[in-house]
Protein backbone atom coordinates (compact mmCIF):
# COMPACT_ATOMS: atom_id res chain seq x y z
CA UNK A 1 49.10 -46.59 145.70
CA UNK A 2 50.95 -43.06 147.27
CA UNK A 3 48.89 -40.64 145.04
CA UNK A 4 50.83 -37.38 144.49
CA UNK A 5 48.69 -34.55 142.38
CA UNK A 6 51.20 -32.53 140.18
CA UNK A 7 50.47 -31.30 137.05
CA UNK A 8 51.68 -27.66 137.11
CA UNK A 9 51.82 -26.27 133.99
CA UNK A 10 55.79 -24.79 133.28
CA UNK A 11 54.58 -22.91 129.67
CA UNK A 12 51.30 -23.38 127.02
CA UNK A 13 51.72 -21.96 123.90
CA UNK A 14 48.74 -23.68 121.88
CA UNK A 15 46.31 -21.72 119.17
CA UNK A 16 43.27 -20.18 121.29
CA UNK A 17 40.77 -23.12 119.87
CA UNK A 18 43.12 -25.77 121.70
CA UNK A 19 40.76 -27.79 124.55
CA UNK A 20 44.18 -28.15 127.60
CA UNK A 21 43.10 -29.37 130.11
CA UNK A 22 43.30 -28.99 133.44
CA UNK A 23 44.96 -31.07 134.91
CA UNK A 24 46.91 -32.63 132.62
CA UNK A 25 48.51 -35.43 134.17
CA UNK A 26 48.85 -36.95 138.01
CA UNK A 27 51.58 -39.22 138.91
CA UNK A 28 51.64 -42.01 141.41
CA UNK A 29 54.19 -43.64 143.32
CA UNK A 30 53.71 -47.50 143.71
CA UNK A 31 56.46 -48.79 147.50
CA UNK A 32 56.98 -52.01 145.99
CA UNK A 33 59.23 -53.89 147.56
CA UNK A 34 63.07 -55.12 149.08
CA UNK A 35 65.15 -56.93 147.49
CA UNK A 36 68.47 -56.26 149.73
CA UNK A 37 70.63 -52.79 149.02
CA UNK A 38 67.52 -52.50 145.85
CA UNK A 39 64.36 -51.28 146.31
CA UNK A 40 61.74 -51.70 143.51
CA UNK A 41 59.71 -49.09 143.02
CA UNK A 42 57.12 -48.58 140.71
CA UNK A 43 55.80 -44.48 138.90
CA UNK A 44 53.19 -44.33 136.85
CA UNK A 45 52.19 -40.85 135.13
CA UNK A 46 47.91 -40.32 134.45
CA UNK A 47 47.15 -38.73 131.88
CA UNK A 48 44.43 -36.60 130.09
CA UNK A 49 42.30 -38.83 127.69
CA UNK A 50 43.81 -38.87 124.68
CA UNK A 51 46.89 -37.12 125.52
CA UNK A 52 50.12 -38.75 124.82
CA UNK A 53 53.86 -38.38 126.78
CA UNK A 54 57.38 -39.80 125.27
CA UNK A 55 59.82 -42.81 125.16
CA UNK A 56 63.18 -42.08 126.28
CA UNK A 57 63.84 -40.72 121.97
CA UNK A 58 60.51 -39.07 121.67
CA UNK A 59 60.40 -39.62 117.67
CA UNK A 60 60.48 -36.93 115.53
CA UNK A 61 59.46 -34.08 117.76
CA UNK A 62 58.31 -34.17 121.29
CA UNK A 63 59.70 -34.29 124.91
CA UNK A 64 61.91 -36.92 126.71
CA UNK A 65 61.72 -37.33 130.13
CA UNK A 66 63.87 -36.13 132.47
CA UNK A 67 63.95 -37.15 136.48
CA UNK A 68 65.76 -35.41 139.37
CA UNK A 69 65.24 -37.53 142.76
CA UNK A 70 68.17 -34.58 144.52
CA UNK A 71 66.28 -34.69 147.08
CA UNK A 72 65.49 -37.83 148.52
CA UNK A 73 67.63 -40.03 151.48
CA UNK A 74 69.06 -43.09 151.29
CA UNK A 75 68.99 -43.03 147.62
CA UNK A 76 72.37 -43.81 145.91
CA UNK A 77 71.43 -44.21 142.17
CA UNK A 78 67.93 -44.46 140.74
CA UNK A 79 67.25 -46.47 137.23
CA UNK A 80 64.25 -45.86 135.77
CA UNK A 81 63.46 -48.98 133.15
CA UNK A 82 60.85 -47.88 130.17
CA UNK A 83 58.43 -49.76 129.43
CA UNK A 84 57.63 -51.05 125.34
CA UNK A 85 56.55 -47.79 123.78
CA UNK A 86 54.39 -47.64 121.16
CA UNK A 87 54.38 -45.70 117.60
CA UNK A 88 52.11 -43.00 116.93
CA UNK A 89 51.23 -39.86 113.99
CA UNK A 90 50.53 -36.84 114.66
CA UNK A 91 50.05 -34.43 112.54
CA UNK A 92 52.04 -36.18 109.80
CA UNK A 93 54.81 -36.90 112.21
CA UNK A 94 56.58 -39.96 114.06
CA UNK A 95 56.52 -39.88 117.80
CA UNK A 96 57.32 -42.56 120.47
CA UNK A 97 55.81 -43.20 123.74
CA UNK A 98 52.50 -44.16 125.68
CA UNK A 99 49.24 -43.40 125.53
CA UNK A 100 47.13 -42.53 128.19
CA UNK A 101 49.08 -44.25 131.13
CA UNK A 102 52.37 -45.56 131.89
CA UNK A 103 54.67 -47.16 134.83
CA UNK A 104 58.00 -46.86 135.20
CA UNK A 105 59.47 -49.60 137.49
CA UNK A 106 62.12 -48.34 139.50
CA UNK A 107 65.91 -49.76 140.42
CA UNK A 108 66.41 -47.57 143.83
CA UNK A 109 69.18 -48.18 145.45
CA UNK A 110 70.18 -47.39 149.04
CA UNK A 111 72.84 -47.04 150.85
CA UNK A 112 71.20 -48.71 153.79
CA UNK A 113 69.32 -51.56 153.16
CA UNK A 114 67.70 -51.92 156.19
CA UNK A 115 66.56 -48.52 156.09
CA UNK A 116 63.70 -46.65 154.61
CA UNK A 117 64.39 -44.61 151.88
CA UNK A 118 62.27 -41.10 151.66
CA UNK A 119 61.92 -40.80 147.71
CA UNK A 120 61.86 -36.80 146.37
CA UNK A 121 61.08 -36.67 142.39
CA UNK A 122 61.09 -34.12 140.06
CA UNK A 123 59.76 -35.37 136.54
CA UNK A 124 59.83 -33.16 133.67
CA UNK A 125 57.63 -34.63 130.37
CA UNK A 126 56.23 -33.27 127.16
CA UNK A 127 52.02 -33.94 126.91
CA UNK A 128 50.57 -33.83 123.21
CA UNK A 129 47.43 -33.80 122.00
CA UNK A 130 46.20 -31.25 119.62
CA UNK A 131 49.32 -29.00 121.19
CA UNK A 132 52.52 -30.54 123.76
CA UNK A 133 52.69 -29.00 126.67
CA UNK A 134 55.49 -29.57 129.10
CA UNK A 135 54.57 -30.64 132.07
CA UNK A 136 55.94 -31.27 135.64
CA UNK A 137 55.02 -33.82 138.22
CA UNK A 138 56.67 -34.11 142.13
CA UNK A 139 55.86 -37.51 143.67
CA UNK A 140 57.16 -38.07 147.18
CA UNK A 141 56.42 -41.32 150.04
CA UNK A 142 58.89 -43.31 152.05
CA UNK A 143 59.83 -46.59 151.06
CA UNK A 144 59.59 -49.37 153.65
CA UNK A 145 62.65 -51.85 154.00
CA UNK A 146 60.54 -54.52 153.37
CA UNK A 147 57.52 -55.16 151.28
CA UNK A 148 56.17 -58.17 149.32
CA UNK A 149 56.60 -58.10 145.76
CA UNK A 150 54.06 -56.25 143.67
CA UNK A 151 52.90 -59.29 141.07
CA UNK A 152 51.01 -56.35 139.21
CA UNK A 153 54.78 -54.29 138.99
CA UNK A 154 56.73 -57.45 138.36
CA UNK A 155 54.39 -58.26 135.71
CA UNK A 156 55.52 -54.72 134.25
CA UNK A 157 59.19 -55.19 134.33
CA UNK A 158 59.48 -57.93 132.39
CA UNK A 159 57.24 -55.54 129.86
CA UNK A 160 61.11 -54.29 128.32
CA UNK A 161 62.84 -54.49 125.30
CA UNK A 162 64.53 -58.40 124.58
CA UNK A 163 67.94 -57.94 124.16
CA UNK A 164 69.04 -58.60 120.49
CA UNK A 165 71.77 -59.84 119.07
CA UNK A 166 75.71 -58.48 117.96
CA UNK A 167 75.68 -55.53 116.06
CA UNK A 168 78.44 -54.38 114.22
CA UNK A 169 78.44 -50.46 113.18
CA UNK A 170 81.05 -48.83 110.30
CA UNK A 171 81.72 -44.25 111.14
CA UNK A 172 82.81 -42.27 108.74
CA UNK A 173 83.09 -38.23 109.48
CA UNK A 174 81.58 -36.38 107.54
CA UNK A 175 81.08 -32.06 107.70
CA UNK A 176 79.17 -31.90 110.63
CA UNK A 177 79.44 -34.64 112.87
CA UNK A 178 79.73 -38.67 112.11
CA UNK A 179 78.15 -41.33 109.69
CA UNK A 180 76.97 -44.71 111.33
CA UNK A 181 75.86 -47.65 109.45
CA UNK A 182 74.58 -50.20 111.91
CA UNK A 183 74.47 -54.39 110.30
CA UNK A 184 72.14 -56.95 112.80
CA UNK A 185 71.02 -60.43 112.37
CA UNK A 186 67.50 -60.06 113.34
CA UNK A 187 63.82 -61.38 111.36
CA UNK A 188 61.53 -58.90 110.77
CA UNK A 189 59.48 -58.08 114.39
CA UNK A 190 56.22 -57.34 112.18
CA UNK A 191 55.10 -55.43 108.17
CA UNK A 192 56.53 -52.59 109.99
CA UNK A 193 59.11 -51.48 111.78
CA UNK A 194 60.66 -48.71 113.75
CA UNK A 195 64.21 -48.45 114.40
CA UNK A 196 66.08 -45.85 116.92
CA UNK A 197 69.88 -45.19 117.31
CA UNK A 198 71.43 -43.96 120.52
CA UNK A 199 74.75 -42.66 121.39
CA UNK A 200 74.22 -42.74 124.99
CA UNK A 201 74.57 -38.59 124.68
CA UNK A 202 70.83 -36.82 124.59
CA UNK A 203 72.76 -33.95 122.91
CA UNK A 204 74.05 -35.49 119.61
CA UNK A 205 71.04 -34.99 117.90
CA UNK A 206 71.04 -38.05 115.44
CA UNK A 207 68.53 -38.23 112.67
CA UNK A 208 66.10 -40.61 111.40
CA UNK A 209 67.84 -44.13 110.39
CA UNK A 210 67.65 -45.55 106.55
CA UNK A 211 67.00 -48.30 106.95
CA UNK A 212 67.07 -51.36 104.46
CA UNK A 213 65.61 -55.95 104.82
CA UNK A 214 67.06 -58.14 103.09
CA UNK A 215 64.92 -61.02 104.64
CA UNK A 216 66.75 -61.41 108.40
CA UNK A 217 69.41 -58.98 107.04
CA UNK A 218 68.86 -55.35 108.72
CA UNK A 219 71.20 -52.18 107.68
CA UNK A 220 70.77 -48.36 109.87
CA UNK A 221 72.38 -45.39 108.59
CA UNK A 222 72.17 -42.65 110.15
CA UNK A 223 74.21 -38.78 110.59
CA UNK A 224 75.11 -38.30 114.41
CA UNK A 225 75.67 -34.29 114.96
CA UNK A 226 76.96 -33.45 118.50
CA UNK A 227 77.29 -29.72 119.33
CA UNK A 228 79.97 -28.65 117.93
CA UNK A 229 78.77 -29.28 114.82
CA UNK A 230 82.50 -31.29 113.82
CA UNK A 231 83.56 -35.09 113.97
CA UNK A 232 83.55 -36.41 117.23
CA UNK A 233 85.50 -39.14 119.10
CA UNK A 234 82.23 -41.88 119.62
CA UNK A 235 81.86 -44.73 122.41
CA UNK A 236 81.11 -47.77 120.26
CA UNK A 237 80.42 -50.00 123.65
CA UNK A 238 77.50 -46.72 124.03
CA UNK A 239 75.39 -46.86 120.78
CA UNK A 240 72.20 -48.69 121.40
CA UNK A 241 69.74 -49.78 118.49
CA UNK A 242 66.00 -50.69 119.08
CA UNK A 243 63.93 -52.61 116.90
CA UNK A 244 59.79 -51.33 117.33
CA UNK A 245 57.10 -53.44 116.00
CA UNK A 246 54.00 -54.05 116.99
CA UNK A 247 53.99 -54.29 120.58
CA UNK A 248 57.24 -55.62 120.67
CA UNK A 249 61.17 -53.95 120.93
CA UNK A 250 64.61 -55.56 120.53
CA UNK A 251 67.76 -54.03 121.67
CA UNK A 252 71.00 -54.07 120.54
CA UNK A 253 73.23 -52.50 123.26
CA UNK A 254 77.35 -52.11 121.92
CA UNK A 255 78.53 -51.86 118.61
CA UNK A 256 81.31 -53.90 116.97
């Protein structure tokens, strides 16, 4: 593992009694292996004991991670895979994310498959315990044009949402955006299910779903409000619904 110390606090607004560790987060890069034009690597974020960070959709509060790889060389694109998150309550507010540690598998698309990759990353995350703090992590490593698959990283790659079935959607304009009603056939995952609906545009606010279940029929209703505060054109292909429960996630991409 290539360790880089990276816990620069961007801001801190905390009551005087809250105890904030000096080192909230570290980032490690697992150099991984090369498979043709794709280099598989792993970004591990370790947090101070008891602290949490967030999934791509953080829940009712929190800060989703933002990844910037613009300082890299021999890199055409980086795809970040999100492991199945946990759903937790904090101060009566639901959050979705990771506790203590998380490894994000990376698929790094190279320009030259025979040359090393110089990966430079800047990652902005939110970490929370009694208070929430934005943290900026910086990582850098050289990824050689070889290497054998890492079994631990390969196992983490498998810890991703499973693909679900067909998702149907009804859209109705409302004063400040759209109302979407999504329906799918899905056996119950557990006693408590959390459903997340995404539009593909992080600037569009999406409400917490109103859920109805009748056997294997699941219905989720959300409101979507863009920055303009008016009805807008939504790409059905970009709609994604994820159902979380008991360590599992089922994801349906695109709606009809």
